[in-house]
C-alpha cells in the first residue's frame, strides 16, 4: 500500500519583505542588532530591535531571529557580519529587507559550503 506524500512548501514561499525606517537615531545598527555571519558559519540574522523606533512602511516588521536574505535587493547571505553592516550603511532609509523565519535548526552553513564561499570572496575571514 502506498501513501500519498504531502508536498511541503518551498522555503522561498515564506520570504517576507518590508520597508523600514528609524528616524534620526543614527544608523540601522543602533536600532536593530544584526547577528551571525559567515565568519561564524551562519547566515546573518536579526537580533534585538527597538520596536518603538522602527516604522514599517510596506509589509510587516521582521521578528527576532529572522534570517536576513537581502537589503535593498543586495543579497547578504554568505557575507560576514561586518560586510552585512556595511551593505546596510550604504543605503538611505527606508531600506527594504527580505527575511525568512529559520528552519528547525539555526541558520548554519555546512563547513564545506562556507569554505567554497570563502574561496570566492577576498574579504572572507
Protein backbone atom coordinates (compact mmCIF):
# COMPACT_ATOMS: atom_id res chain seq x y z
CA UNK A 1 0.00 0.00 0.00
CA UNK A 2 1.40 3.32 -0.98
CA UNK A 3 0.88 6.51 0.92
CA UNK A 4 0.31 9.83 -0.66
CA UNK A 5 3.15 12.13 0.26
CA UNK A 6 2.24 15.61 1.34
CA UNK A 7 4.16 18.23 -0.63
CA UNK A 8 5.99 20.68 1.58
CA UNK A 9 6.13 24.32 0.63
CA UNK A 10 9.47 25.60 -0.53
CA UNK A 11 11.15 28.00 1.92
CA UNK A 12 11.10 30.78 -0.70
CA UNK A 13 7.31 30.99 -0.37
CA UNK A 14 7.82 32.14 3.23
CA UNK A 15 10.06 35.12 2.40
CA UNK A 16 8.77 38.37 3.91
CA UNK A 17 9.67 41.78 2.52
CA UNK A 18 9.31 45.06 4.39
CA UNK A 19 10.48 48.65 4.08
CA UNK A 20 11.65 50.12 7.39
CA UNK A 21 12.90 53.45 8.63
CA UNK A 22 14.07 54.51 12.08
CA UNK A 23 14.08 58.33 12.10
CA UNK A 24 17.14 60.35 13.04
CA UNK A 25 18.52 57.91 15.60
CA UNK A 26 21.83 57.09 13.96
CA UNK A 27 22.43 54.10 11.76
CA UNK A 28 20.40 50.91 11.41
CA UNK A 29 22.84 49.03 13.67
CA UNK A 30 21.91 51.24 16.62
CA UNK A 31 18.23 50.27 16.25
CA UNK A 32 18.43 46.64 15.06
CA UNK A 33 21.11 44.19 16.11
CA UNK A 34 22.46 42.11 13.22
CA UNK A 35 23.99 38.82 14.40
CA UNK A 36 25.58 35.82 12.74
CA UNK A 37 27.64 35.98 9.57
CA UNK A 38 29.88 33.75 7.51
CA UNK A 39 32.76 34.04 9.99
CA UNK A 40 30.55 32.18 12.50
CA UNK A 41 29.18 29.69 9.98
CA UNK A 42 25.75 31.31 9.96
CA UNK A 43 23.54 33.42 7.78
CA UNK A 44 23.13 36.96 9.09
CA UNK A 45 20.04 37.19 11.27
CA UNK A 46 18.21 39.85 13.25
CA UNK A 47 18.72 40.24 16.99
CA UNK A 48 17.20 42.72 19.42
CA UNK A 49 15.14 45.52 17.85
CA UNK A 50 13.86 48.82 19.24
CA UNK A 51 10.29 48.34 18.09
CA UNK A 52 9.15 51.73 19.38
CA UNK A 53 11.54 53.42 16.93
CA UNK A 54 11.16 51.23 13.82
CA UNK A 55 8.47 52.21 11.33
CA UNK A 56 7.33 49.69 8.74
CA UNK A 57 6.11 51.37 5.53
CA UNK A 58 5.42 48.27 3.44
CA UNK A 59 4.90 44.69 4.58
CA UNK A 60 5.31 43.67 8.22
CA UNK A 61 8.18 44.02 10.66
CA UNK A 62 10.55 41.07 10.92
CA UNK A 63 10.94 39.17 14.18
CA UNK A 64 13.90 38.36 16.38
CA UNK A 65 15.87 35.51 14.81
CA UNK A 66 14.65 36.03 11.24
CA UNK A 67 17.34 35.28 8.66
CA UNK A 68 18.34 38.33 6.61
CA UNK A 69 18.45 37.47 2.90
CA UNK A 70 18.58 40.83 1.09
CA UNK A 71 18.95 44.53 1.80
CA UNK A 72 17.53 46.74 -0.97
CA UNK A 73 17.92 43.89 -3.45
CA UNK A 74 21.53 43.16 -2.47
CA UNK A 75 21.97 39.56 -1.28
CA UNK A 76 23.70 39.37 2.13
CA UNK A 77 23.62 35.62 2.73
CA UNK A 78 27.19 34.38 2.85
CA UNK A 79 28.62 37.74 3.94
CA UNK A 80 30.46 38.33 7.17
CA UNK A 81 28.71 40.37 9.85
CA UNK A 82 30.94 43.36 9.13
CA UNK A 83 30.20 43.22 5.39
CA UNK A 84 26.46 42.90 6.05
CA UNK A 85 26.51 46.02 8.22
CA UNK A 86 28.50 47.85 5.52
CA UNK A 87 25.83 46.97 2.93
CA UNK A 88 23.11 48.26 5.26
CA UNK A 89 25.01 51.52 5.94
CA UNK A 90 25.39 52.10 2.21
CA UNK A 91 21.67 52.74 1.70
CA UNK A 92 19.48 55.60 2.88
CA UNK A 93 16.30 54.91 4.75
CA UNK A 94 13.79 53.48 4.28
CA UNK A 95 15.52 50.24 3.43
CA UNK A 96 13.85 47.11 2.06
CA UNK A 97 14.61 43.92 3.95
CA UNK A 98 13.89 40.39 2.79
CA UNK A 99 13.78 37.95 5.67
CA UNK A 100 12.63 34.41 6.31
CA UNK A 101 11.96 32.50 9.50
CA UNK A 102 14.71 29.99 10.22
CA UNK A 103 14.00 26.29 9.89
CA UNK A 104 14.09 23.75 12.71
CA UNK A 105 17.80 24.31 13.27
CA UNK A 106 19.51 27.69 13.50
CA UNK A 107 20.69 29.20 10.23
CA UNK A 108 24.00 27.38 9.92
CA UNK A 109 26.00 26.75 6.79
CA UNK A 110 27.77 23.48 6.26
CA UNK A 111 31.53 23.82 6.69
CA UNK A 112 32.12 22.70 3.08
CA UNK A 113 29.75 25.37 1.70
CA UNK A 114 31.44 28.05 3.82
CA UNK A 115 34.85 27.10 2.52
CA UNK A 116 33.58 27.38 -1.06
CA UNK A 117 32.19 30.84 -0.30
CA UNK A 118 35.46 31.96 1.28
CA UNK A 119 37.39 30.98 -1.84
CA UNK A 120 35.09 33.24 -3.89
CA UNK A 121 35.22 36.25 -1.56
CA UNK A 122 38.53 38.01 -0.83
CA UNK A 123 37.10 39.59 2.36
CA UNK A 124 36.08 36.31 3.98
CA UNK A 125 37.73 35.62 7.32
